[in-house]
Structure formats: structure tokens, C-alpha cells
All heavy atoms as atom14 arrays in JSON, in Angstrom:
{
  "sequence": "IAINEIYARHGLIFNDPDLSAYFEACSWYRPSLTYDDFESEVQFNKVE",
  "atom14_mask": [
    [1, 1, 1, 1, 1, 1, 1, 1, 0, 0, 0, 0, 0, 0],
    [1, 1, 1, 1, 1, 0, 0, 0, 0, 0, 0, 0, 0, 0],
    [1, 1, 1, 1, 1, 1, 1, 1, 0, 0, 0, 0, 0, 0],
    [1, 1, 1, 1, 1, 1, 1, 1, 0, 0, 0, 0, 0, 0],
    [1, 1, 1, 1, 1, 1, 1, 1, 1, 0, 0, 0, 0, 0],
    [1, 1, 1, 1, 1, 1, 1, 1, 0, 0, 0, 0, 0, 0],
    [1, 1, 1, 1, 1, 1, 1, 1, 1, 1, 1, 1, 0, 0],
    [1, 1, 1, 1, 1, 0, 0, 0, 0, 0, 0, 0, 0, 0],
    [1, 1, 1, 1, 1, 1, 1, 1, 1, 1, 1, 0, 0, 0],
    [1, 1, 1, 1, 1, 1, 1, 1, 1, 1, 0, 0, 0, 0],
    [1, 1, 1, 1, 0, 0, 0, 0, 0, 0, 0, 0, 0, 0],
    [1, 1, 1, 1, 1, 1, 1, 1, 0, 0, 0, 0, 0, 0],
    [1, 1, 1, 1, 1, 1, 1, 1, 0, 0, 0, 0, 0, 0],
    [1, 1, 1, 1, 1, 1, 1, 1, 1, 1, 1, 0, 0, 0],
    [1, 1, 1, 1, 1, 1, 1, 1, 0, 0, 0, 0, 0, 0],
    [1, 1, 1, 1, 1, 1, 1, 1, 0, 0, 0, 0, 0, 0],
    [1, 1, 1, 1, 1, 1, 1, 0, 0, 0, 0, 0, 0, 0],
    [1, 1, 1, 1, 1, 1, 1, 1, 0, 0, 0, 0, 0, 0],
    [1, 1, 1, 1, 1, 1, 1, 1, 0, 0, 0, 0, 0, 0],
    [1, 1, 1, 1, 1, 1, 0, 0, 0, 0, 0, 0, 0, 0],
    [1, 1, 1, 1, 1, 0, 0, 0, 0, 0, 0, 0, 0, 0],
    [1, 1, 1, 1, 1, 1, 1, 1, 1, 1, 1, 1, 0, 0],
    [1, 1, 1, 1, 1, 1, 1, 1, 1, 1, 1, 0, 0, 0],
    [1, 1, 1, 1, 1, 1, 1, 1, 1, 0, 0, 0, 0, 0],
    [1, 1, 1, 1, 1, 0, 0, 0, 0, 0, 0, 0, 0, 0],
    [1, 1, 1, 1, 1, 1, 0, 0, 0, 0, 0, 0, 0, 0],
    [1, 1, 1, 1, 1, 1, 0, 0, 0, 0, 0, 0, 0, 0],
    [1, 1, 1, 1, 1, 1, 1, 1, 1, 1, 1, 1, 1, 1],
    [1, 1, 1, 1, 1, 1, 1, 1, 1, 1, 1, 1, 0, 0],
    [1, 1, 1, 1, 1, 1, 1, 1, 1, 1, 1, 0, 0, 0],
    [1, 1, 1, 1, 1, 1, 1, 0, 0, 0, 0, 0, 0, 0],
    [1, 1, 1, 1, 1, 1, 0, 0, 0, 0, 0, 0, 0, 0],
    [1, 1, 1, 1, 1, 1, 1, 1, 0, 0, 0, 0, 0, 0],
    [1, 1, 1, 1, 1, 1, 1, 0, 0, 0, 0, 0, 0, 0],
    [1, 1, 1, 1, 1, 1, 1, 1, 1, 1, 1, 1, 0, 0],
    [1, 1, 1, 1, 1, 1, 1, 1, 0, 0, 0, 0, 0, 0],
    [1, 1, 1, 1, 1, 1, 1, 1, 0, 0, 0, 0, 0, 0],
    [1, 1, 1, 1, 1, 1, 1, 1, 1, 1, 1, 0, 0, 0],
    [1, 1, 1, 1, 1, 1, 1, 1, 1, 0, 0, 0, 0, 0],
    [1, 1, 1, 1, 1, 1, 0, 0, 0, 0, 0, 0, 0, 0],
    [1, 1, 1, 1, 1, 1, 1, 1, 1, 0, 0, 0, 0, 0],
    [1, 1, 1, 1, 1, 1, 1, 0, 0, 0, 0, 0, 0, 0],
    [1, 1, 1, 1, 1, 1, 1, 1, 1, 0, 0, 0, 0, 0],
    [1, 1, 1, 1, 1, 1, 1, 1, 1, 1, 1, 0, 0, 0],
    [1, 1, 1, 1, 1, 1, 1, 1, 0, 0, 0, 0, 0, 0],
    [1, 1, 1, 1, 1, 1, 1, 1, 1, 0, 0, 0, 0, 0],
    [1, 1, 1, 1, 1, 1, 1, 0, 0, 0, 0, 0, 0, 0],
    [1, 1, 1, 1, 1, 1, 1, 1, 1, 0, 0, 0, 0, 0]
  ],
  "atom14_positions": [
    [[73.02, 29.17, 2.75], [72.7, 30.55, 3.12], [73.97, 31.31, 3.47], [74.15, 32.46, 3.05], [71.68, 30.59, 4.28], [70.35, 29.97, 3.87], [71.49, 32.03, 4.8], [69.6, 30.66, 2.78], [0.0, 0.0, 0.0], [0.0, 0.0, 0.0], [0.0, 0.0, 0.0], [0.0, 0.0, 0.0], [0.0, 0.0, 0.0], [0.0, 0.0, 0.0]],
    [[74.85, 30.68, 4.23], [76.08, 31.36, 4.66], [76.95, 31.79, 3.48], [77.5, 32.89, 3.46], [76.88, 30.44, 5.59], [0.0, 0.0, 0.0], [0.0, 0.0, 0.0], [0.0, 0.0, 0.0], [0.0, 0.0, 0.0], [0.0, 0.0, 0.0], [0.0, 0.0, 0.0], [0.0, 0.0, 0.0], [0.0, 0.0, 0.0], [0.0, 0.0, 0.0]],
    [[77.06, 30.94, 2.48], [77.82, 31.31, 1.28], [77.17, 32.51, 0.61], [77.81, 33.5, 0.29], [77.92, 30.13, 0.28], [78.74, 28.99, 0.87], [78.49, 30.59, -1.06], [78.69, 27.69, 0.07], [0.0, 0.0, 0.0], [0.0, 0.0, 0.0], [0.0, 0.0, 0.0], [0.0, 0.0, 0.0], [0.0, 0.0, 0.0], [0.0, 0.0, 0.0]],
    [[75.88, 32.41, 0.42], [75.16, 33.44, -0.34], [74.94, 34.73, 0.42], [74.77, 35.78, -0.2], [73.84, 32.86, -0.87], [74.09, 31.91, -2.01], [74.49, 32.31, -3.08], [73.92, 30.62, -1.75], [0.0, 0.0, 0.0], [0.0, 0.0, 0.0], [0.0, 0.0, 0.0], [0.0, 0.0, 0.0], [0.0, 0.0, 0.0], [0.0, 0.0, 0.0]],
    [[74.98, 34.69, 1.75], [74.81, 35.95, 2.47], [76.02, 36.87, 2.29], [75.88, 38.1, 2.38], [74.46, 35.74, 3.95], [75.55, 35.22, 4.83], [75.05, 34.84, 6.23], [73.82, 34.77, 6.47], [75.92, 34.6, 7.08], [0.0, 0.0, 0.0], [0.0, 0.0, 0.0], [0.0, 0.0, 0.0], [0.0, 0.0, 0.0], [0.0, 0.0, 0.0]],
    [[77.16, 36.31, 1.97], [78.32, 37.15, 1.68], [78.04, 37.94, 0.39], [78.32, 39.14, 0.31], [79.6, 36.31, 1.56], [79.93, 35.68, 2.93], [80.78, 37.15, 1.05], [81.06, 34.66, 2.91], [0.0, 0.0, 0.0], [0.0, 0.0, 0.0], [0.0, 0.0, 0.0], [0.0, 0.0, 0.0], [0.0, 0.0, 0.0], [0.0, 0.0, 0.0]],
    [[77.47, 37.27, -0.58], [77.09, 37.94, -1.83], [75.93, 38.91, -1.6], [75.92, 40.02, -2.15], [76.71, 36.9, -2.89], [77.88, 36.07, -3.37], [78.28, 34.94, -2.68], [78.58, 36.44, -4.5], [79.37, 34.19, -3.11], [79.66, 35.69, -4.96], [80.04, 34.57, -4.25], [81.12, 33.84, -4.68], [0.0, 0.0, 0.0], [0.0, 0.0, 0.0]],
    [[74.98, 38.51, -0.79], [73.81, 39.35, -0.51], [74.2, 40.65, 0.17], [73.59, 41.69, -0.09], [72.8, 38.57, 0.34], [0.0, 0.0, 0.0], [0.0, 0.0, 0.0], [0.0, 0.0, 0.0], [0.0, 0.0, 0.0], [0.0, 0.0, 0.0], [0.0, 0.0, 0.0], [0.0, 0.0, 0.0], [0.0, 0.0, 0.0], [0.0, 0.0, 0.0]],
    [[75.2, 40.6, 1.03], [75.67, 41.83, 1.69], [76.08, 42.9, 0.7], [76.01, 44.08, 0.98], [76.9, 41.52, 2.57], [76.59, 41.11, 3.96], [77.91, 41.15, 4.77], [77.61, 40.85, 6.15], [77.88, 39.69, 6.74], [78.41, 38.72, 6.06], [77.59, 39.52, 8.01], [0.0, 0.0, 0.0], [0.0, 0.0, 0.0], [0.0, 0.0, 0.0]],
    [[76.52, 42.44, -0.47], [76.98, 43.37, -1.51], [75.91, 43.67, -2.53], [76.18, 44.34, -3.54], [78.23, 42.82, -2.19], [79.42, 42.78, -1.3], [80.23, 43.87, -1.07], [79.93, 41.78, -0.52], [81.18, 43.54, -0.22], [81.04, 42.29, 0.12], [0.0, 0.0, 0.0], [0.0, 0.0, 0.0], [0.0, 0.0, 0.0], [0.0, 0.0, 0.0]],
    [[74.69, 43.18, -2.32], [73.58, 43.56, -3.17], [73.28, 42.67, -4.35], [72.53, 43.07, -5.25], [0.0, 0.0, 0.0], [0.0, 0.0, 0.0], [0.0, 0.0, 0.0], [0.0, 0.0, 0.0], [0.0, 0.0, 0.0], [0.0, 0.0, 0.0], [0.0, 0.0, 0.0], [0.0, 0.0, 0.0], [0.0, 0.0, 0.0], [0.0, 0.0, 0.0]],
    [[73.82, 41.46, -4.39], [73.54, 40.56, -5.52], [72.05, 40.26, -5.58], [71.42, 39.96, -4.58], [74.32, 39.25, -5.38], [74.05, 38.22, -6.49], [74.57, 38.73, -7.83], [74.69, 36.88, -6.15], [0.0, 0.0, 0.0], [0.0, 0.0, 0.0], [0.0, 0.0, 0.0], [0.0, 0.0, 0.0], [0.0, 0.0, 0.0], [0.0, 0.0, 0.0]],
    [[71.5, 40.37, -6.79], [70.11, 39.98, -7.05], [70.13, 38.51, -7.41], [70.77, 38.12, -8.4], [69.5, 40.82, -8.17], [69.48, 42.29, -7.79], [68.1, 40.32, -8.54], [69.12, 43.25, -8.92], [0.0, 0.0, 0.0], [0.0, 0.0, 0.0], [0.0, 0.0, 0.0], [0.0, 0.0, 0.0], [0.0, 0.0, 0.0], [0.0, 0.0, 0.0]],
    [[69.45, 37.67, -6.63], [69.5, 36.23, -6.84], [68.47, 35.8, -7.85], [67.32, 36.22, -7.82], [69.27, 35.51, -5.51], [70.38, 35.73, -4.52], [70.31, 36.73, -3.58], [71.52, 34.95, -4.56], [71.33, 36.94, -2.68], [72.57, 35.15, -3.67], [72.46, 36.17, -2.72], [0.0, 0.0, 0.0], [0.0, 0.0, 0.0], [0.0, 0.0, 0.0]],
    [[68.9, 34.91, -8.77], [67.97, 34.32, -9.75], [67.21, 33.16, -9.15], [66.1, 32.87, -9.57], [68.75, 33.86, -10.98], [69.34, 35.01, -11.76], [68.83, 36.11, -11.75], [70.47, 34.76, -12.41], [0.0, 0.0, 0.0], [0.0, 0.0, 0.0], [0.0, 0.0, 0.0], [0.0, 0.0, 0.0], [0.0, 0.0, 0.0], [0.0, 0.0, 0.0]],
    [[67.81, 32.5, -8.18], [67.16, 31.38, -7.51], [66.0, 31.9, -6.66], [66.21, 32.74, -5.78], [68.18, 30.64, -6.63], [67.58, 29.47, -5.88], [66.83, 29.71, -4.91], [67.87, 28.33, -6.27], [0.0, 0.0, 0.0], [0.0, 0.0, 0.0], [0.0, 0.0, 0.0], [0.0, 0.0, 0.0], [0.0, 0.0, 0.0], [0.0, 0.0, 0.0]],
    [[64.77, 31.43, -6.91], [63.63, 31.97, -6.19], [63.67, 31.76, -4.66], [63.23, 32.6, -3.89], [62.41, 31.28, -6.79], [62.92, 30.28, -7.75], [64.39, 30.45, -7.92], [0.0, 0.0, 0.0], [0.0, 0.0, 0.0], [0.0, 0.0, 0.0], [0.0, 0.0, 0.0], [0.0, 0.0, 0.0], [0.0, 0.0, 0.0], [0.0, 0.0, 0.0]],
    [[64.23, 30.63, -4.23], [64.32, 30.36, -2.79], [65.31, 31.33, -2.12], [65.01, 31.87, -1.05], [64.76, 28.91, -2.53], [63.69, 27.91, -2.96], [62.49, 28.27, -2.94], [64.05, 26.77, -3.29], [0.0, 0.0, 0.0], [0.0, 0.0, 0.0], [0.0, 0.0, 0.0], [0.0, 0.0, 0.0], [0.0, 0.0, 0.0], [0.0, 0.0, 0.0]],
    [[66.48, 31.52, -2.72], [67.45, 32.45, -2.16], [66.91, 33.88, -2.2], [67.06, 34.64, -1.25], [68.78, 32.37, -2.91], [69.61, 31.13, -2.67], [70.83, 31.11, -3.61], [70.07, 31.05, -1.22], [0.0, 0.0, 0.0], [0.0, 0.0, 0.0], [0.0, 0.0, 0.0], [0.0, 0.0, 0.0], [0.0, 0.0, 0.0], [0.0, 0.0, 0.0]],
    [[66.27, 34.22, -3.3], [65.71, 35.57, -3.45], [64.67, 35.81, -2.34], [64.71, 36.86, -1.68], [65.06, 35.72, -4.81], [64.54, 37.01, -4.96], [0.0, 0.0, 0.0], [0.0, 0.0, 0.0], [0.0, 0.0, 0.0], [0.0, 0.0, 0.0], [0.0, 0.0, 0.0], [0.0, 0.0, 0.0], [0.0, 0.0, 0.0], [0.0, 0.0, 0.0]],
    [[63.78, 34.88, -2.11], [62.74, 35.02, -1.09], [63.38, 35.1, 0.3], [62.95, 35.91, 1.14], [61.76, 33.86, -1.16], [0.0, 0.0, 0.0], [0.0, 0.0, 0.0], [0.0, 0.0, 0.0], [0.0, 0.0, 0.0], [0.0, 0.0, 0.0], [0.0, 0.0, 0.0], [0.0, 0.0, 0.0], [0.0, 0.0, 0.0], [0.0, 0.0, 0.0]],
    [[64.38, 34.27, 0.54], [65.03, 34.27, 1.85], [65.64, 35.64, 2.15], [65.41, 36.23, 3.19], [66.13, 33.19, 1.92], [66.88, 33.22, 3.23], [66.38, 32.53, 4.33], [68.03, 33.96, 3.39], [67.04, 32.57, 5.56], [68.7, 34.01, 4.6], [68.2, 33.32, 5.68], [68.85, 33.37, 6.89], [0.0, 0.0, 0.0], [0.0, 0.0, 0.0]],
    [[66.45, 36.15, 1.22], [67.14, 37.41, 1.48], [66.22, 38.61, 1.42], [66.42, 39.6, 2.15], [68.36, 37.56, 0.55], [69.46, 36.63, 0.93], [69.84, 35.58, 0.1], [70.13, 36.75, 2.13], [70.83, 34.69, 0.45], [71.14, 35.87, 2.51], [71.48, 34.85, 1.66], [0.0, 0.0, 0.0], [0.0, 0.0, 0.0], [0.0, 0.0, 0.0]],
    [[65.17, 38.55, 0.61], [64.19, 39.64, 0.59], [63.54, 39.82, 1.97], [63.11, 40.92, 2.32], [63.1, 39.4, -0.46], [63.57, 39.57, -1.89], [63.8, 41.02, -2.3], [63.27, 41.94, -1.65], [64.52, 41.23, -3.29], [0.0, 0.0, 0.0], [0.0, 0.0, 0.0], [0.0, 0.0, 0.0], [0.0, 0.0, 0.0], [0.0, 0.0, 0.0]],
    [[63.49, 38.76, 2.75], [62.9, 38.83, 4.1], [63.87, 39.42, 5.13], [63.47, 39.69, 6.26], [62.43, 37.44, 4.53], [0.0, 0.0, 0.0], [0.0, 0.0, 0.0], [0.0, 0.0, 0.0], [0.0, 0.0, 0.0], [0.0, 0.0, 0.0], [0.0, 0.0, 0.0], [0.0, 0.0, 0.0], [0.0, 0.0, 0.0], [0.0, 0.0, 0.0]],
    [[65.11, 39.62, 4.75], [66.11, 40.19, 5.66], [66.09, 41.71, 5.59], [66.17, 42.27, 4.49], [67.52, 39.67, 5.32], [67.7, 37.89, 5.54], [0.0, 0.0, 0.0], [0.0, 0.0, 0.0], [0.0, 0.0, 0.0], [0.0, 0.0, 0.0], [0.0, 0.0, 0.0], [0.0, 0.0, 0.0], [0.0, 0.0, 0.0], [0.0, 0.0, 0.0]],
    [[66.02, 42.36, 6.74], [65.92, 43.82, 6.77], [67.13, 44.52, 6.17], [67.02, 45.63, 5.65], [65.71, 44.29, 8.2], [66.83, 44.0, 9.0], [0.0, 0.0, 0.0], [0.0, 0.0, 0.0], [0.0, 0.0, 0.0], [0.0, 0.0, 0.0], [0.0, 0.0, 0.0], [0.0, 0.0, 0.0], [0.0, 0.0, 0.0], [0.0, 0.0, 0.0]],
    [[68.27, 43.88, 6.2], [69.52, 44.52, 5.75], [69.77, 44.37, 4.24], [70.61, 45.05, 3.68], [70.72, 43.93, 6.49], [70.77, 42.43, 6.43], [70.27, 41.56, 7.36], [71.34, 41.62, 5.4], [70.5, 40.26, 6.96], [71.16, 40.28, 5.76], [72.0, 41.92, 4.21], [71.6, 39.23, 4.97], [72.45, 40.86, 3.42], [72.25, 39.54, 3.8]],
    [[69.04, 43.46, 3.59], [69.31, 43.14, 2.19], [68.85, 44.26, 1.26], [67.71, 44.69, 1.31], [68.64, 41.82, 1.83], [68.8, 41.37, 0.39], [70.06, 41.19, -0.16], [67.7, 41.14, -0.41], [70.21, 40.77, -1.48], [67.83, 40.71, -1.72], [69.1, 40.54, -2.25], [69.24, 40.11, -3.55], [0.0, 0.0, 0.0], [0.0, 0.0, 0.0]],
    [[69.77, 44.74, 0.41], [69.47, 45.78, -0.57], [69.86, 45.28, -1.95], [70.98, 45.5, -2.42], [70.26, 47.07, -0.26], [70.08, 47.64, 1.13], [68.7, 48.26, 1.29], [68.59, 49.01, 2.53], [68.24, 48.5, 3.71], [67.99, 47.2, 3.81], [68.1, 49.27, 4.76], [0.0, 0.0, 0.0], [0.0, 0.0, 0.0], [0.0, 0.0, 0.0]],
    [[68.96, 44.56, -2.64], [69.29, 44.01, -3.96], [69.55, 45.14, -4.96], [68.74, 46.05, -5.1], [68.06, 43.2, -4.35], [66.95, 43.77, -3.52], [67.57, 44.28, -2.26], [0.0, 0.0, 0.0], [0.0, 0.0, 0.0], [0.0, 0.0, 0.0], [0.0, 0.0, 0.0], [0.0, 0.0, 0.0], [0.0, 0.0, 0.0], [0.0, 0.0, 0.0]],
    [[70.71, 45.09, -5.62], [71.04, 46.18, -6.53], [71.85, 45.76, -7.75], [71.96, 46.53, -8.69], [71.81, 47.27, -5.78], [72.99, 46.74, -5.22], [0.0, 0.0, 0.0], [0.0, 0.0, 0.0], [0.0, 0.0, 0.0], [0.0, 0.0, 0.0], [0.0, 0.0, 0.0], [0.0, 0.0, 0.0], [0.0, 0.0, 0.0], [0.0, 0.0, 0.0]],
    [[72.42, 44.55, -7.74], [73.31, 44.15, -8.83], [72.95, 42.8, -9.41], [72.78, 41.82, -8.68], [74.77, 44.08, -8.31], [75.37, 45.39, -7.8], [76.69, 45.11, -7.08], [75.6, 46.35, -8.94], [0.0, 0.0, 0.0], [0.0, 0.0, 0.0], [0.0, 0.0, 0.0], [0.0, 0.0, 0.0], [0.0, 0.0, 0.0], [0.0, 0.0, 0.0]],
    [[72.86, 42.73, -10.74], [72.69, 41.45, -11.41], [74.02, 40.7, -11.34], [75.04, 41.27, -10.97], [72.32, 41.66, -12.9], [73.42, 42.29, -13.56], [71.05, 42.49, -13.05], [0.0, 0.0, 0.0], [0.0, 0.0, 0.0], [0.0, 0.0, 0.0], [0.0, 0.0, 0.0], [0.0, 0.0, 0.0], [0.0, 0.0, 0.0], [0.0, 0.0, 0.0]],
    [[73.99, 39.43, -11.71], [75.23, 38.65, -11.69], [76.32, 39.31, -12.54], [77.48, 39.39, -12.13], [74.99, 37.22, -12.2], [74.41, 36.29, -11.16], [73.06, 35.97, -11.16], [75.21, 35.75, -10.17], [72.52, 35.14, -10.2], [74.68, 34.91, -9.2], [73.33, 34.61, -9.22], [72.81, 33.79, -8.26], [0.0, 0.0, 0.0], [0.0, 0.0, 0.0]],
    [[75.96, 39.76, -13.74], [76.96, 40.37, -14.63], [77.56, 41.63, -14.0], [78.77, 41.82, -14.01], [76.34, 40.7, -15.99], [75.99, 39.45, -16.79], [76.6, 38.39, -16.52], [75.11, 39.55, -17.66], [0.0, 0.0, 0.0], [0.0, 0.0, 0.0], [0.0, 0.0, 0.0], [0.0, 0.0, 0.0], [0.0, 0.0, 0.0], [0.0, 0.0, 0.0]],
    [[76.7, 42.49, -13.47], [77.19, 43.71, -12.83], [78.0, 43.4, -11.58], [79.0, 44.05, -11.29], [76.03, 44.64, -12.46], [75.32, 45.2, -13.67], [75.94, 45.27, -14.75], [74.14, 45.56, -13.55], [0.0, 0.0, 0.0], [0.0, 0.0, 0.0], [0.0, 0.0, 0.0], [0.0, 0.0, 0.0], [0.0, 0.0, 0.0], [0.0, 0.0, 0.0]],
    [[77.56, 42.39, -10.85], [78.23, 42.01, -9.6], [79.69, 41.63, -9.87], [80.59, 42.08, -9.18], [77.49, 40.85, -8.95], [77.97, 40.53, -7.55], [77.41, 41.17, -6.48], [78.96, 39.59, -7.35], [77.84, 40.9, -5.18], [79.4, 39.31, -6.07], [78.84, 39.96, -4.98], [0.0, 0.0, 0.0], [0.0, 0.0, 0.0], [0.0, 0.0, 0.0]],
    [[79.91, 40.81, -10.88], [81.26, 40.34, -11.19], [82.19, 41.49, -11.55], [83.38, 41.45, -11.23], [81.22, 39.32, -12.33], [80.67, 37.99, -11.9], [80.7, 36.96, -13.0], [81.13, 37.3, -14.14], [80.31, 35.82, -12.75], [0.0, 0.0, 0.0], [0.0, 0.0, 0.0], [0.0, 0.0, 0.0], [0.0, 0.0, 0.0], [0.0, 0.0, 0.0]],
    [[81.67, 42.51, -12.2], [82.54, 43.63, -12.61], [82.65, 44.73, -11.57], [83.6, 45.5, -11.6], [82.04, 44.22, -13.94], [80.76, 44.78, -13.77], [0.0, 0.0, 0.0], [0.0, 0.0, 0.0], [0.0, 0.0, 0.0], [0.0, 0.0, 0.0], [0.0, 0.0, 0.0], [0.0, 0.0, 0.0], [0.0, 0.0, 0.0], [0.0, 0.0, 0.0]],
    [[81.71, 44.8, -10.63], [81.69, 45.94, -9.7], [82.08, 45.62, -8.27], [82.42, 46.51, -7.52], [80.3, 46.59, -9.71], [79.95, 47.23, -11.02], [78.62, 47.95, -10.99], [78.21, 48.4, -9.91], [77.99, 48.06, -12.04], [0.0, 0.0, 0.0], [0.0, 0.0, 0.0], [0.0, 0.0, 0.0], [0.0, 0.0, 0.0], [0.0, 0.0, 0.0]],
    [[81.99, 44.36, -7.85], [82.2, 44.02, -6.45], [83.52, 43.27, -6.27], [83.83, 42.35, -7.04], [81.04, 43.18, -5.9], [81.32, 42.69, -4.5], [79.75, 44.0, -5.92], [0.0, 0.0, 0.0], [0.0, 0.0, 0.0], [0.0, 0.0, 0.0], [0.0, 0.0, 0.0], [0.0, 0.0, 0.0], [0.0, 0.0, 0.0], [0.0, 0.0, 0.0]],
    [[84.25, 43.67, -5.28], [85.47, 42.95, -4.9], [85.36, 42.64, -3.42], [85.25, 43.55, -2.58], [86.71, 43.8, -5.18], [87.98, 43.05, -4.92], [89.19, 43.82, -5.38], [89.09, 44.91, -5.94], [90.36, 43.28, -5.11], [0.0, 0.0, 0.0], [0.0, 0.0, 0.0], [0.0, 0.0, 0.0], [0.0, 0.0, 0.0], [0.0, 0.0, 0.0]],
    [[85.35, 41.36, -3.08], [85.3, 40.94, -1.69], [86.58, 41.34, -0.98], [87.67, 41.32, -1.58], [85.15, 39.43, -1.57], [83.8, 38.9, -1.99], [83.68, 37.63, -2.5], [82.64, 39.65, -1.85], [82.45, 37.11, -2.89], [81.41, 39.15, -2.22], [81.31, 37.88, -2.73], [0.0, 0.0, 0.0], [0.0, 0.0, 0.0], [0.0, 0.0, 0.0]],
    [[86.48, 41.62, 0.33], [87.7, 41.84, 1.11], [88.36, 40.47, 1.36], [87.78, 39.44, 1.05], [87.41, 42.62, 2.39], [86.58, 41.85, 3.4], [86.72, 40.66, 3.6], [85.69, 42.57, 4.07], [0.0, 0.0, 0.0], [0.0, 0.0, 0.0], [0.0, 0.0, 0.0], [0.0, 0.0, 0.0], [0.0, 0.0, 0.0], [0.0, 0.0, 0.0]],
    [[89.56, 40.48, 1.91], [90.32, 39.24, 2.11], [89.6, 38.25, 3.02], [89.65, 37.04, 2.8], [91.71, 39.54, 2.62], [92.59, 40.25, 1.61], [93.99, 40.42, 2.13], [94.86, 41.22, 1.2], [95.0, 40.76, -0.15], [0.0, 0.0, 0.0], [0.0, 0.0, 0.0], [0.0, 0.0, 0.0], [0.0, 0.0, 0.0], [0.0, 0.0, 0.0]],
    [[88.92, 38.75, 4.02], [88.17, 37.88, 4.95], [87.03, 37.21, 4.22], [86.83, 35.99, 4.33], [87.67, 38.69, 6.17], [86.73, 37.87, 7.04], [88.83, 39.22, 6.99], [0.0, 0.0, 0.0], [0.0, 0.0, 0.0], [0.0, 0.0, 0.0], [0.0, 0.0, 0.0], [0.0, 0.0, 0.0], [0.0, 0.0, 0.0], [0.0, 0.0, 0.0]],
    [[86.26, 37.99, 3.45], [85.16, 37.42, 2.68], [85.68, 36.38, 1.68], [85.06, 35.32, 1.51], [84.4, 38.52, 1.95], [83.63, 39.44, 2.87], [83.12, 40.69, 2.18], [83.85, 41.24, 1.31], [82.02, 41.12, 2.52], [0.0, 0.0, 0.0], [0.0, 0.0, 0.0], [0.0, 0.0, 0.0], [0.0, 0.0, 0.0], [0.0, 0.0, 0.0]]
  ]
}
């Protein structure tokens, strides 16, 4: 979860049903990017 919540913060839409269900239950999660879009549009900060 800790690894994937970094991605979830940036709106990654998860293909894994368990991860998808977990993050959909989080009030802060805003799914907006597929894996392909995520790779081209998101850049993690140095801490992430």
C-alpha cells in the first residue's frame, strides 16, 4: 500500500482490483490517469 499510495496521490488508475478498491475507499484519492498517461505526465519529486 505504501508504495502504491505515492502513485495514488498523483491519480494513477489501478488495474489491480484489490488496489483499486483500497484506494477508491480513500477520501483523498482522485483517479485520473491510466498507466500510459501516468508515465508521460507525472514526475515524482525527489522525496517521492
